[in-house]
PDB file of N, CA and C in Angstrom:
ATOM      1  N   MET A   1     -11.417 -16.376  28.637  1.00  0.00           N
ATOM      2  CA  MET A   1     -10.238 -17.056  29.121  1.00  0.00           C
ATOM      3  C   MET A   1     -10.564 -18.528  29.337  1.00  0.00           C
ATOM      4  N   PRO A   2      -9.748 -19.405  28.811  1.00  0.00           N
ATOM      5  CA  PRO A   2     -10.004 -20.819  29.027  1.00  0.00           C
ATOM      6  C   PRO A   2      -9.813 -21.199  30.487  1.00  0.00           C
ATOM      7  N   GLY A   3     -10.766 -21.967  30.990  1.00  0.00           N
ATOM      8  CA  GLY A   3     -10.655 -22.455  32.359  1.00  0.00           C
ATOM      9  C   GLY A   3     -11.083 -21.470  33.415  1.00  0.00           C
ATOM     10  N   TYR A   4     -11.494 -20.247  32.997  1.00  0.00           N
ATOM     11  CA  TYR A   4     -11.873 -19.243  33.977  1.00  0.00           C
ATOM     12  C   TYR A   4     -13.162 -19.667  34.683  1.00  0.00           C
ATOM     13  N   GLY A   5     -13.110 -19.689  36.012  1.00  0.00           N
ATOM     14  CA  GLY A   5     -14.295 -19.972  36.796  1.00  0.00           C
ATOM     15  C   GLY A   5     -14.562 -21.444  37.050  1.00  0.00           C
ATOM     16  N   HIS A   6     -13.777 -22.326  36.473  1.00  0.00           N
ATOM     17  CA  HIS A   6     -14.013 -23.743  36.706  1.00  0.00           C
ATOM     18  C   HIS A   6     -13.618 -24.104  38.129  1.00  0.00           C
ATOM     19  N   GLY A   7     -14.523 -24.808  38.809  1.00  0.00           N
ATOM     20  CA  GLY A   7     -14.230 -25.262  40.166  1.00  0.00           C
ATOM     21  C   GLY A   7     -14.292 -24.166  41.207  1.00  0.00           C
ATOM     22  N   ARG A   8     -14.849 -23.032  40.859  1.00  0.00           N
ATOM     23  CA  ARG A   8     -14.933 -21.922  41.809  1.00  0.00           C
ATOM     24  C   ARG A   8     -16.382 -21.622  42.137  1.00  0.00           C
ATOM     25  N   GLN A   9     -16.587 -21.169  43.363  1.00  0.00           N
ATOM     26  CA  GLN A   9     -17.909 -20.738  43.774  1.00  0.00           C
ATOM     27  C   GLN A   9     -17.948 -19.224  43.792  1.00  0.00           C
ATOM     28  N   ARG A  10     -19.139 -18.682  43.637  1.00  0.00           N
ATOM     29  CA  ARG A  10     -19.292 -17.240  43.726  1.00  0.00           C
ATOM     30  C   ARG A  10     -19.398 -16.838  45.185  1.00  0.00           C
ATOM     31  N   GLY A  11     -18.872 -15.680  45.517  1.00  0.00           N
ATOM     32  CA  GLY A  11     -18.999 -15.158  46.871  1.00  0.00           C
ATOM     33  C   GLY A  11     -18.092 -15.835  47.881  1.00  0.00           C
ATOM     34  N   ARG A  12     -18.406 -15.575  49.144  1.00  0.00           N
ATOM     35  CA  ARG A  12     -17.605 -16.112  50.234  1.00  0.00           C
ATOM     36  C   ARG A  12     -17.977 -17.555  50.530  1.00  0.00           C
ATOM     37  N   CYS A  13     -17.066 -18.238  51.187  1.00  0.00           N
ATOM     38  CA  CYS A  13     -17.333 -19.607  51.628  1.00  0.00           C
ATOM     39  C   CYS A  13     -18.398 -19.579  52.715  1.00  0.00           C
ATOM     40  N   ARG A  14     -19.174 -20.623  52.776  1.00  0.00           N
ATOM     41  CA  ARG A  14     -20.196 -20.750  53.809  1.00  0.00           C
ATOM     42  C   ARG A  14     -19.503 -21.016  55.138  1.00  0.00           C
ATOM     43  N   GLY A  15     -19.775 -20.190  56.135  1.00  0.00           N
ATOM     44  CA  GLY A  15     -19.140 -20.337  57.438  1.00  0.00           C
ATOM     45  C   GLY A  15     -19.821 -21.381  58.301  1.00  0.00           C
ATOM     46  N   ARG A  16     -19.084 -21.903  59.253  1.00  0.00           N
ATOM     47  CA  ARG A  16     -19.643 -22.888  60.181  1.00  0.00           C
ATOM     48  C   ARG A  16     -20.553 -22.197  61.184  1.00  0.00           C
ATOM     49  N   ARG A  17     -21.641 -22.869  61.516  1.00  0.00           N
ATOM     50  CA  ARG A  17     -22.565 -22.379  62.527  1.00  0.00           C
ATOM     51  C   ARG A  17     -22.352 -23.162  63.810  1.00  0.00           C
ATOM     52  N   TRP A  18     -22.609 -22.537  64.948  1.00  0.00           N
ATOM     53  CA  TRP A  18     -22.533 -23.218  66.227  1.00  0.00           C
ATOM     54  C   TRP A  18     -23.902 -23.793  66.539  1.00  0.00           C
ATOM     55  N   ILE A  19     -23.934 -25.029  66.970  1.00  0.00           N
ATOM     56  CA  ILE A  19     -25.188 -25.643  67.406  1.00  0.00           C
ATOM     57  C   ILE A  19     -25.002 -26.194  68.812  1.00  0.00           C
ATOM     58  N   GLU A  20     -26.095 -26.291  69.558  1.00  0.00           N
ATOM     59  CA  GLU A  20     -26.002 -26.799  70.928  1.00  0.00           C
ATOM     60  C   GLU A  20     -26.082 -28.310  70.999  1.00  0.00           C
ATOM     61  N   ARG A  21     -26.931 -28.910  70.170  1.00  0.00           N
ATOM     62  CA  ARG A  21     -27.083 -30.359  70.256  1.00  0.00           C
ATOM     63  C   ARG A  21     -27.525 -30.940  68.926  1.00  0.00           C
ATOM     64  N   LEU A  22     -27.169 -32.202  68.751  1.00  0.00           N
ATOM     65  CA  LEU A  22     -27.603 -32.934  67.568  1.00  0.00           C
ATOM     66  C   LEU A  22     -28.991 -33.513  67.825  1.00  0.00           C
ATOM     67  N   PRO A  23     -29.825 -33.604  66.798  1.00  0.00           N
ATOM     68  CA  PRO A  23     -31.160 -34.167  67.006  1.00  0.00           C
ATOM     69  C   PRO A  23     -31.087 -35.658  67.305  1.00  0.00           C
ATOM     70  N   GLU A  24     -31.965 -36.135  68.191  1.00  0.00           N
ATOM     71  CA  GLU A  24     -32.009 -37.560  68.512  1.00  0.00           C
ATOM     72  C   GLU A  24     -32.670 -38.354  67.394  1.00  0.00           C
ATOM     73  N   THR A  25     -33.684 -37.773  66.777  1.00  0.00           N
ATOM     74  CA  THR A  25     -34.390 -38.414  65.674  1.00  0.00           C
ATOM     75  C   THR A  25     -34.058 -37.651  64.402  1.00  0.00           C
ATOM     76  N   THR A  26     -33.662 -38.374  63.367  1.00  0.00           N
ATOM     77  CA  THR A  26     -33.218 -37.705  62.147  1.00  0.00           C
ATOM     78  C   THR A  26     -34.036 -38.069  60.908  1.00  0.00           C
ATOM     79  N   TYR A  27     -35.108 -38.827  61.083  1.00  0.00           N
ATOM     80  CA  TYR A  27     -35.924 -39.193  59.926  1.00  0.00           C
ATOM     81  C   TYR A  27     -37.391 -39.256  60.324  1.00  0.00           C
ATOM     82  N   PHE A  28     -38.235 -38.589  59.561  1.00  0.00           N
ATOM     83  CA  PHE A  28     -39.675 -38.568  59.778  1.00  0.00           C
ATOM     84  C   PHE A  28     -40.356 -38.856  58.448  1.00  0.00           C
ATOM     85  N   ARG A  29     -41.450 -39.594  58.493  1.00  0.00           N
ATOM     86  CA  ARG A  29     -42.205 -39.818  57.269  1.00  0.00           C
ATOM     87  C   ARG A  29     -43.687 -39.864  57.598  1.00  0.00           C
ATOM     88  N   PRO A  30     -44.515 -39.572  56.613  1.00  0.00           N
ATOM     89  CA  PRO A  30     -45.960 -39.598  56.836  1.00  0.00           C
ATOM     90  C   PRO A  30     -46.430 -40.995  57.232  1.00  0.00           C
ATOM     91  N   TYR A  31     -47.355 -41.051  58.146  1.00  0.00           N
ATOM     92  CA  TYR A  31     -47.887 -42.311  58.649  1.00  0.00           C
ATOM     93  C   TYR A  31     -48.555 -43.095  57.513  1.00  0.00           C
ATOM     94  N   GLY A  32     -48.243 -44.389  57.441  1.00  0.00           N
ATOM     95  CA  GLY A  32     -48.905 -45.281  56.512  1.00  0.00           C
ATOM     96  C   GLY A  32     -48.471 -45.183  55.068  1.00  0.00           C
ATOM     97  N   GLN A  33     -47.445 -44.413  54.776  1.00  0.00           N
ATOM     98  CA  GLN A  33     -46.979 -44.298  53.395  1.00  0.00           C
ATOM     99  C   GLN A  33     -45.576 -44.860  53.273  1.00  0.00           C
ATOM    100  N   SER A  34     -45.366 -45.651  52.212  1.00  0.00           N
ATOM    101  CA  SER A  34     -43.992 -46.043  51.905  1.00  0.00           C
ATOM    102  C   SER A  34     -43.398 -44.897  51.094  1.00  0.00           C
ATOM    103  N   GLN A  35     -42.171 -44.572  51.379  1.00  0.00           N
ATOM    104  CA  GLN A  35     -41.551 -43.404  50.750  1.00  0.00           C
ATOM    105  C   GLN A  35     -40.457 -43.800  49.780  1.00  0.00           C
ATOM    106  N   ASP A  36     -40.456 -43.154  48.645  1.00  0.00           N
ATOM    107  CA  ASP A  36     -39.347 -43.258  47.720  1.00  0.00           C
ATOM    108  C   ASP A  36     -38.298 -42.249  48.142  1.00  0.00           C
ATOM    109  N   ILE A  37     -37.059 -42.512  47.794  1.00  0.00           N
ATOM    110  CA  ILE A  37     -35.971 -41.586  48.147  1.00  0.00           C
ATOM    111  C   ILE A  37     -36.207 -40.207  47.516  1.00  0.00           C
ATOM    112  N   ALA A  38     -36.910 -40.145  46.378  1.00  0.00           N
ATOM    113  CA  ALA A  38     -37.180 -38.878  45.705  1.00  0.00           C
ATOM    114  C   ALA A  38     -38.169 -38.020  46.495  1.00  0.00           C
ATOM    115  N   ASP A  39     -38.952 -38.629  47.381  1.00  0.00           N
ATOM    116  CA  ASP A  39     -39.948 -37.904  48.158  1.00  0.00           C
ATOM    117  C   ASP A  39     -39.435 -37.519  49.541  1.00  0.00           C
ATOM    118  N   THR A  40     -38.143 -37.305  49.677  1.00  0.00           N
ATOM    119  CA  THR A  40     -37.541 -36.955  50.953  1.00  0.00           C
ATOM    120  C   THR A  40     -36.955 -35.550  50.885  1.00  0.00           C
ATOM    121  N   VAL A  41     -37.287 -34.736  51.884  1.00  0.00           N
ATOM    122  CA  VAL A  41     -36.749 -33.385  52.014  1.00  0.00           C
ATOM    123  C   VAL A  41     -35.619 -33.450  53.038  1.00  0.00           C
ATOM    124  N   VAL A  42     -34.471 -32.861  52.712  1.00  0.00           N
ATOM    125  CA  VAL A  42     -33.325 -32.858  53.625  1.00  0.00           C
ATOM    126  C   VAL A  42     -33.195 -31.483  54.268  1.00  0.00           C
ATOM    127  N   ILE A  43     -33.243 -31.470  55.601  1.00  0.00           N
ATOM    128  CA  ILE A  43     -33.012 -30.259  56.383  1.00  0.00           C
ATOM    129  C   ILE A  43     -31.661 -30.436  57.065  1.00  0.00           C
ATOM    130  N   THR A  44     -30.775 -29.456  56.907  1.00  0.00           N
ATOM    131  CA  THR A  44     -29.454 -29.573  57.516  1.00  0.00           C
ATOM    132  C   THR A  44     -29.547 -29.330  59.020  1.00  0.00           C
ATOM    133  N   VAL A  45     -28.520 -29.763  59.727  1.00  0.00           N
ATOM    134  CA  VAL A  45     -28.488 -29.621  61.183  1.00  0.00           C
ATOM    135  C   VAL A  45     -28.539 -28.150  61.578  1.00  0.00           C
ATOM    136  N   GLU A  46     -27.844 -27.279  60.857  1.00  0.00           N
ATOM    137  CA  GLU A  46     -27.869 -25.860  61.231  1.00  0.00           C
ATOM    138  C   GLU A  46     -29.201 -25.199  60.890  1.00  0.00           C
ATOM    139  N   GLU A  47     -29.896 -25.666  59.850  1.00  0.00           N
ATOM    140  CA  GLU A  47     -31.242 -25.161  59.572  1.00  0.00           C
ATOM    141  C   GLU A  47     -32.191 -25.557  60.696  1.00  0.00           C
ATOM    142  N   LEU A  48     -32.065 -26.784  61.187  1.00  0.00           N
ATOM    143  CA  LEU A  48     -32.888 -27.236  62.310  1.00  0.00           C
ATOM    144  C   LEU A  48     -32.585 -26.415  63.561  1.00  0.00           C
ATOM    145  N   GLU A  49     -31.318 -26.103  63.788  1.00  0.00           N
ATOM    146  CA  GLU A  49     -30.942 -25.293  64.954  1.00  0.00           C
ATOM    147  C   GLU A  49     -31.559 -23.903  64.870  1.00  0.00           C
ATOM    148  N   ALA A  50     -31.578 -23.308  63.683  1.00  0.00           N
ATOM    149  CA  ALA A  50     -32.214 -21.999  63.512  1.00  0.00           C
ATOM    150  C   ALA A  50     -33.705 -22.086  63.836  1.00  0.00           C
ATOM    151  N   LEU A  51     -34.382 -23.125  63.351  1.00  0.00           N
ATOM    152  CA  LEU A  51     -35.802 -23.336  63.673  1.00  0.00           C
ATOM    153  C   LEU A  51     -36.003 -23.504  65.178  1.00  0.00           C
ATOM    154  N   ARG A  52     -35.160 -24.306  65.795  1.00  0.00           N
ATOM    155  CA  ARG A  52     -35.288 -24.571  67.222  1.00  0.00           C
ATOM    156  C   ARG A  52     -35.148 -23.296  68.043  1.00  0.00           C
ATOM    157  N   LEU A  53     -34.124 -22.509  67.743  1.00  0.00           N
ATOM    158  CA  LEU A  53     -33.867 -21.308  68.531  1.00  0.00           C
ATOM    159  C   LEU A  53     -34.971 -20.262  68.373  1.00  0.00           C
ATOM    160  N   VAL A  54     -35.419 -20.032  67.139  1.00  0.00           N
ATOM    161  CA  VAL A  54     -36.400 -18.967  66.890  1.00  0.00           C
ATOM    162  C   VAL A  54     -37.831 -19.433  67.161  1.00  0.00           C
ATOM    163  N   ASP A  55     -38.215 -20.594  66.632  1.00  0.00           N
ATOM    164  CA  ASP A  55     -39.615 -21.019  66.715  1.00  0.00           C
ATOM    165  C   ASP A  55     -39.941 -21.828  67.960  1.00  0.00           C
ATOM    166  N   LEU A  56     -38.983 -22.527  68.535  1.00  0.00           N
ATOM    167  CA  LEU A  56     -39.251 -23.336  69.729  1.00  0.00           C
ATOM    168  C   LEU A  56     -38.815 -22.619  71.010  1.00  0.00           C
ATOM    169  N   GLU A  57     -37.619 -22.041  70.983  1.00  0.00           N
ATOM    170  CA  GLU A  57     -37.093 -21.352  72.174  1.00  0.00           C
ATOM    171  C   GLU A  57     -37.529 -19.890  72.248  1.00  0.00           C
ATOM    172  N   ASP A  58     -38.198 -19.385  71.214  1.00  0.00           N
ATOM    173  CA  ASP A  58     -38.710 -18.007  71.157  1.00  0.00           C
ATOM    174  C   ASP A  58     -37.638 -16.932  71.297  1.00  0.00           C
ATOM    175  N   LEU A  59     -36.439 -17.210  70.784  1.00  0.00           N
ATOM    176  CA  LEU A  59     -35.405 -16.176  70.765  1.00  0.00           C
ATOM    177  C   LEU A  59     -35.659 -15.241  69.589  1.00  0.00           C
ATOM    178  N   THR A  60     -35.189 -14.011  69.705  1.00  0.00           N
ATOM    179  CA  THR A  60     -35.242 -13.117  68.549  1.00  0.00           C
ATOM    180  C   THR A  60     -34.214 -13.590  67.533  1.00  0.00           C
ATOM    181  N   GLN A  61     -34.347 -13.110  66.321  1.00  0.00           N
ATOM    182  CA  GLN A  61     -33.364 -13.496  65.301  1.00  0.00           C
ATOM    183  C   GLN A  61     -31.981 -12.988  65.674  1.00  0.00           C
ATOM    184  N   GLU A  62     -31.893 -11.844  66.304  1.00  0.00           N
ATOM    185  CA  GLU A  62     -30.597 -11.312  66.727  1.00  0.00           C
ATOM    186  C   GLU A  62     -29.960 -12.214  67.783  1.00  0.00           C
ATOM    187  N   GLU A  63     -30.765 -12.658  68.761  1.00  0.00           N
ATOM    188  CA  GLU A  63     -30.254 -13.538  69.810  1.00  0.00           C
ATOM    189  C   GLU A  63     -29.830 -14.894  69.239  1.00  0.00           C
ATOM    190  N   ALA A  64     -30.658 -15.437  68.357  1.00  0.00           N
ATOM    191  CA  ALA A  64     -30.345 -16.733  67.747  1.00  0.00           C
ATOM    192  C   ALA A  64     -29.094 -16.646  66.887  1.00  0.00           C
ATOM    193  N   ALA A  65     -28.971 -15.564  66.135  1.00  0.00           N
ATOM    194  CA  ALA A  65     -27.786 -15.378  65.289  1.00  0.00           C
ATOM    195  C   ALA A  65     -26.520 -15.313  66.139  1.00  0.00           C
ATOM    196  N   ALA A  66     -26.588 -14.604  67.266  1.00  0.00           N
ATOM    197  CA  ALA A  66     -25.431 -14.514  68.161  1.00  0.00           C
ATOM    198  C   ALA A  66     -25.075 -15.885  68.719  1.00  0.00           C
ATOM    199  N   MET A  67     -26.073 -16.683  69.079  1.00  0.00           N
ATOM    200  CA  MET A  67     -25.804 -18.017  69.619  1.00  0.00           C
ATOM    201  C   MET A  67     -25.181 -18.934  68.572  1.00  0.00           C
ATOM    202  N   MET A  68     -25.540 -18.728  67.304  1.00  0.00           N
ATOM    203  CA  MET A  68     -24.999 -19.564  66.235  1.00  0.00           C
ATOM    204  C   MET A  68     -23.718 -18.994  65.636  1.00  0.00           C
ATOM    205  N   GLY A  69     -23.331 -17.786  66.048  1.00  0.00           N
ATOM    206  CA  GLY A  69     -22.090 -17.190  65.567  1.00  0.00           C
ATOM    207  C   GLY A  69     -22.150 -16.700  64.133  1.00  0.00           C
ATOM    208  N   VAL A  70     -23.350 -16.233  63.714  1.00  0.00           N
ATOM    209  CA  VAL A  70     -23.523 -15.745  62.344  1.00  0.00           C
ATOM    210  C   VAL A  70     -24.247 -14.400  62.380  1.00  0.00           C
ATOM    211  N   SER A  71     -24.342 -13.758  61.233  1.00  0.00           N
ATOM    212  CA  SER A  71     -25.089 -12.507  61.147  1.00  0.00           C
ATOM    213  C   SER A  71     -26.582 -12.799  61.164  1.00  0.00           C
ATOM    214  N   ARG A  72     -27.378 -11.762  61.433  1.00  0.00           N
ATOM    215  CA  ARG A  72     -28.816 -11.930  61.443  1.00  0.00           C
ATOM    216  C   ARG A  72     -29.321 -12.317  60.061  1.00  0.00           C
ATOM    217  N   LYS A  73     -28.747 -11.753  59.026  1.00  0.00           N
ATOM    218  CA  LYS A  73     -29.133 -12.070  57.643  1.00  0.00           C
ATOM    219  C   LYS A  73     -28.859 -13.548  57.331  1.00  0.00           C
ATOM    220  N   THR A  74     -27.713 -14.049  57.760  1.00  0.00           N
ATOM    221  CA  THR A  74     -27.379 -15.465  57.539  1.00  0.00           C
ATOM    222  C   THR A  74     -28.364 -16.358  58.275  1.00  0.00           C
ATOM    223  N   LEU A  75     -28.684 -16.013  59.521  1.00  0.00           N
ATOM    224  CA  LEU A  75     -29.668 -16.792  60.272  1.00  0.00           C
ATOM    225  C   LEU A  75     -31.012 -16.749  59.556  1.00  0.00           C
ATOM    226  N   TRP A  76     -31.429 -15.577  59.090  1.00  0.00           N
ATOM    227  CA  TRP A  76     -32.705 -15.430  58.388  1.00  0.00           C
ATOM    228  C   TRP A  76     -32.746 -16.326  57.160  1.00  0.00           C
ATOM    229  N   ASN A  77     -31.642 -16.381  56.407  1.00  0.00           N
ATOM    230  CA  ASN A  77     -31.589 -17.250  55.221  1.00  0.00           C
ATOM    231  C   ASN A  77     -31.748 -18.719  55.609  1.00  0.00           C
ATOM    232  N   ASP A  78     -31.039 -19.161  56.638  1.00  0.00           N
ATOM    233  CA  ASP A  78     -31.158 -20.547  57.110  1.00  0.00           C
ATOM    234  C   ASP A  78     -32.585 -20.839  57.579  1.00  0.00           C
ATOM    235  N   LEU A  79     -33.162 -19.905  58.303  1.00  0.00           N
ATOM    236  CA  LEU A  79     -34.515 -20.056  58.836  1.00  0.00           C
ATOM    237  C   LEU A  79     -35.539 -20.161  57.711  1.00  0.00           C
ATOM    238  N   GLN A  80     -35.427 -19.305  56.716  1.00  0.00           N
ATOM    239  CA  GLN A  80     -36.364 -19.333  55.586  1.00  0.00           C
ATOM    240  C   GLN A  80     -36.257 -20.638  54.804  1.00  0.00           C
ATOM    241  N   ARG A  81     -35.029 -21.115  54.582  1.00  0.00           N
ATOM    242  CA  ARG A  81     -34.839 -22.391  53.872  1.00  0.00           C
ATOM    243  C   ARG A  81     -35.472 -23.538  54.652  1.00  0.00           C
ATOM    244  N   ALA A  82     -35.235 -23.567  55.970  1.00  0.00           N
ATOM    245  CA  ALA A  82     -35.769 -24.644  56.810  1.00  0.00           C
ATOM    246  C   ALA A  82     -37.289 -24.618  56.838  1.00  0.00           C
ATOM    247  N   ARG A  83     -37.876 -23.433  56.983  1.00  0.00           N
ATOM    248  CA  ARG A  83     -39.338 -23.326  57.012  1.00  0.00           C
ATOM    249  C   ARG A  83     -39.953 -23.778  55.692  1.00  0.00           C
ATOM    250  N   LYS A  84     -39.356 -23.366  54.590  1.00  0.00           N
ATOM    251  CA  LYS A  84     -39.881 -23.750  53.276  1.00  0.00           C
ATOM    252  C   LYS A  84     -39.820 -25.269  53.091  1.00  0.00           C
ATOM    253  N   LYS A  85     -38.714 -25.873  53.494  1.00  0.00           N
ATOM    254  CA  LYS A  85     -38.567 -27.327  53.369  1.00  0.00           C
ATOM    255  C   LYS A  85     -39.585 -28.055  54.251  1.00  0.00           C
ATOM    256  N   ALA A  86     -39.758 -27.585  55.489  1.00  0.00           N
ATOM    257  CA  ALA A  86     -40.689 -28.237  56.411  1.00  0.00           C
ATOM    258  C   ALA A  86     -42.128 -28.124  55.906  1.00  0.00           C
ATOM    259  N   VAL A  87     -42.519 -26.960  55.435  1.00  0.00           N
ATOM    260  CA  VAL A  87     -43.876 -26.774  54.916  1.00  0.00           C
ATOM    261  C   VAL A  87     -44.091 -27.607  53.660  1.00  0.00           C
ATOM    262  N   ASN A  88     -43.092 -27.662  52.801  1.00  0.00           N
ATOM    263  CA  ASN A  88     -43.186 -28.486  51.601  1.00  0.00           C
ATOM    264  C   ASN A  88     -43.433 -29.950  51.977  1.00  0.00           C
ATOM    265  N   ALA A  89     -42.698 -30.451  52.957  1.00  0.00           N
ATOM    266  CA  ALA A  89     -42.860 -31.841  53.383  1.00  0.00           C
ATOM    267  C   ALA A  89     -44.245 -32.076  53.980  1.00  0.00           C
ATOM    268  N   LEU A  90     -44.730 -31.154  54.790  1.00  0.00           N
ATOM    269  CA  LEU A  90     -46.040 -31.319  55.413  1.00  0.00           C
ATOM    270  C   LEU A  90     -47.176 -31.240  54.392  1.00  0.00           C
ATOM    271  N   VAL A  91     -47.112 -30.287  53.498  1.00  0.00           N
ATOM    272  CA  VAL A  91     -48.181 -30.100  52.513  1.00  0.00           C
ATOM    273  C   VAL A  91     -48.191 -31.206  51.461  1.00  0.00           C
ATOM    274  N   ASN A  92     -47.013 -31.623  51.022  1.00  0.00           N
ATOM    275  CA  ASN A  92     -46.920 -32.595  49.939  1.00  0.00           C
ATOM    276  C   ASN A  92     -46.680 -34.028  50.400  1.00  0.00           C
ATOM    277  N   GLY A  93     -46.667 -34.270  51.698  1.00  0.00           N
ATOM    278  CA  GLY A  93     -46.526 -35.619  52.220  1.00  0.00           C
ATOM    279  C   GLY A  93     -45.163 -36.239  52.005  1.00  0.00           C
ATOM    280  N   CYS A  94     -44.123 -35.434  52.079  1.00  0.00           N
ATOM    281  CA  CYS A  94     -42.751 -35.934  51.899  1.00  0.00           C
ATOM    282  C   CYS A  94     -42.150 -36.325  53.251  1.00  0.00           C
ATOM    283  N   ALA A  95     -41.198 -37.229  53.211  1.00  0.00           N
ATOM    284  CA  ALA A  95     -40.419 -37.555  54.403  1.00  0.00           C
ATOM    285  C   ALA A  95     -39.430 -36.422  54.661  1.00  0.00           C
ATOM    286  N   ILE A  96     -38.976 -36.317  55.902  1.00  0.00           N
ATOM    287  CA  ILE A  96     -37.959 -35.325  56.270  1.00  0.00           C
ATOM    288  C   ILE A  96     -36.772 -36.066  56.862  1.00  0.00           C
ATOM    289  N   ARG A  97     -35.575 -35.779  56.318  1.00  0.00           N
ATOM    290  CA  ARG A  97     -34.334 -36.339  56.849  1.00  0.00           C
ATOM    291  C   ARG A  97     -33.463 -35.171  57.302  1.00  0.00           C
ATOM    292  N   ILE A  98     -32.911 -35.276  58.495  1.00  0.00           N
ATOM    293  CA  ILE A  98     -32.033 -34.236  59.031  1.00  0.00           C
ATOM    294  C   ILE A  98     -30.609 -34.761  58.962  1.00  0.00           C
ATOM    295  N   GLU A  99     -29.790 -34.078  58.195  1.00  0.00           N
ATOM    296  CA  GLU A  99     -28.396 -34.525  58.038  1.00  0.00           C
ATOM    297  C   GLU A  99     -27.554 -33.428  57.433  1.00  0.00           C
ATOM    298  N   GLY A 100     -26.263 -33.601  57.575  1.00  0.00           N
ATOM    299  CA  GLY A 100     -25.291 -32.766  56.883  1.00  0.00           C
ATOM    300  C   GLY A 100     -25.184 -31.357  57.424  1.00  0.00           C
ATOM    301  N   GLY A 101     -24.464 -30.563  56.676  1.00  0.00           N
ATOM    302  CA  GLY A 101     -24.223 -29.193  57.054  1.00  0.00           C
ATOM    303  C   GLY A 101     -22.772 -28.969  57.428  1.00  0.00           C
ATOM    304  N   ASP A 102     -22.491 -27.764  57.839  1.00  0.00           N
ATOM    305  CA  ASP A 102     -21.146 -27.369  58.227  1.00  0.00           C
ATOM    306  C   ASP A 102     -21.279 -26.629  59.549  1.00  0.00           C
ATOM    307  N   TYR A 103     -21.022 -27.324  60.634  1.00  0.00           N
ATOM    308  CA  TYR A 103     -21.288 -26.757  61.949  1.00  0.00           C
ATOM    309  C   TYR A 103     -20.270 -27.217  62.974  1.00  0.00           C
ATOM    310  N   VAL A 104     -20.303 -26.534  64.117  1.00  0.00           N
ATOM    311  CA  VAL A 104     -19.499 -26.883  65.277  1.00  0.00           C
ATOM    312  C   VAL A 104     -20.482 -27.107  66.414  1.00  0.00           C
ATOM    313  N   GLN A 105     -20.354 -28.229  67.104  1.00  0.00           N
ATOM    314  CA  GLN A 105     -21.248 -28.493  68.229  1.00  0.00           C
ATOM    315  C   GLN A 105     -20.638 -27.960  69.505  1.00  0.00           C
ATOM    316  N   ARG A 106     -21.424 -27.168  70.234  1.00  0.00           N
ATOM    317  CA  ARG A 106     -20.985 -26.651  71.530  1.00  0.00           C
ATOM    318  C   ARG A 106     -21.407 -27.652  72.587  1.00  0.00           C
ATOM    319  N   GLU A 107     -20.455 -28.080  73.398  1.00  0.00           N
ATOM    320  CA  GLU A 107     -20.747 -29.048  74.452  1.00  0.00           C
ATOM    321  C   GLU A 107     -20.525 -28.411  75.809  1.00  0.00           C
ATOM    322  N   LYS A 108     -21.435 -28.685  76.720  1.00  0.00           N
ATOM    323  CA  LYS A 108     -21.267 -28.190  78.093  1.00  0.00           C
ATOM    324  C   LYS A 108     -20.418 -29.178  78.873  1.00  0.00           C
ATOM    325  N   LYS A 109     -19.356 -28.701  79.452  1.00  0.00           N
ATOM    326  CA  LYS A 109     -18.466 -29.510  80.297  1.00  0.00           C
ATOM    327  C   LYS A 109     -18.259 -28.747  81.588  1.00  0.00           C
ATOM    328  N   GLY A 110     -18.859 -29.226  82.683  1.00  0.00           N
ATOM    329  CA  GLY A 110     -18.671 -28.584  83.985  1.00  0.00           C
ATOM    330  C   GLY A 110     -19.110 -27.131  84.012  1.00  0.00           C
ATOM    331  N   GLY A 111     -20.225 -26.815  83.320  1.00  0.00           N
ATOM    332  CA  GLY A 111     -20.735 -25.454  83.326  1.00  0.00           C
ATOM    333  C   GLY A 111     -20.156 -24.567  82.240  1.00  0.00           C
ATOM    334  N   GLU A 112     -19.080 -24.984  81.596  1.00  0.00           N
ATOM    335  CA  GLU A 112     -18.480 -24.189  80.532  1.00  0.00           C
ATOM    336  C   GLU A 112     -18.897 -24.737  79.178  1.00  0.00           C
ATOM    337  N   MET A 113     -18.916 -23.865  78.184  1.00  0.00           N
ATOM    338  CA  MET A 113     -19.199 -24.308  76.835  1.00  0.00           C
ATOM    339  C   MET A 113     -17.883 -24.700  76.180  1.00  0.00           C
ATOM    340  N   LYS A 114     -17.844 -25.882  75.639  1.00  0.00           N
ATOM    341  CA  LYS A 114     -16.654 -26.366  74.946  1.00  0.00           C
ATOM    342  C   LYS A 114     -17.022 -26.493  73.479  1.00  0.00           C
ATOM    343  N   TYR A 115     -16.188 -25.953  72.603  1.00  0.00           N
ATOM    344  CA  TYR A 115     -16.468 -25.984  71.177  1.00  0.00           C
ATOM    345  C   TYR A 115     -15.720 -27.167  70.567  1.00  0.00           C
ATOM    346  N   ALA A 116     -16.471 -28.062  69.941  1.00  0.00           N
ATOM    347  CA  ALA A 116     -15.870 -29.283  69.427  1.00  0.00           C
ATOM    348  C   ALA A 116     -16.660 -29.810  68.244  1.00  0.00           C
ATOM    349  N   LYS A 117     -16.194 -30.930  67.724  1.00  0.00           N
ATOM    350  CA  LYS A 117     -16.849 -31.704  66.668  1.00  0.00           C
ATOM    351  C   LYS A 117     -17.077 -30.919  65.374  1.00  0.00           C
ATOM    352  N   TRP A 118     -16.015 -30.581  64.703  1.00  0.00           N
ATOM    353  CA  TRP A 118     -16.127 -29.960  63.385  1.00  0.00           C
ATOM    354  C   TRP A 118     -16.743 -30.955  62.433  1.00  0.00           C
ATOM    355  N   ARG A 119     -17.688 -30.525  61.653  1.00  0.00           N
ATOM    356  CA  ARG A 119     -18.348 -31.399  60.665  1.00  0.00           C
ATOM    357  C   ARG A 119     -18.140 -30.851  59.290  1.00  0.00           C
TER     358      ARG A 119
END
């Protein structure tokens, strides 16, 4: 069929993840090296949130997935992508830039969680 599949993605749309906070620092590079744009690894904000919850906050994948509003499998996929990118940057001396993604930031207002800032 002519035109079949043009402009379409396979599967379901990628859902928004909930994150607690945006990173203060969004660019890292190896000390003493000038970096070309080609030597930069991009980690999305939601991939960083998955790393933070599981590897820094020591939550289980089930707990982290619930906090981000996704399934455990979805969290696992984000976590694996983030770990691979981070290890690649460390081993190969690439810069890391944190940007982009599709997320909702949860903000605390007077003890309550407020859901805002669609990206």
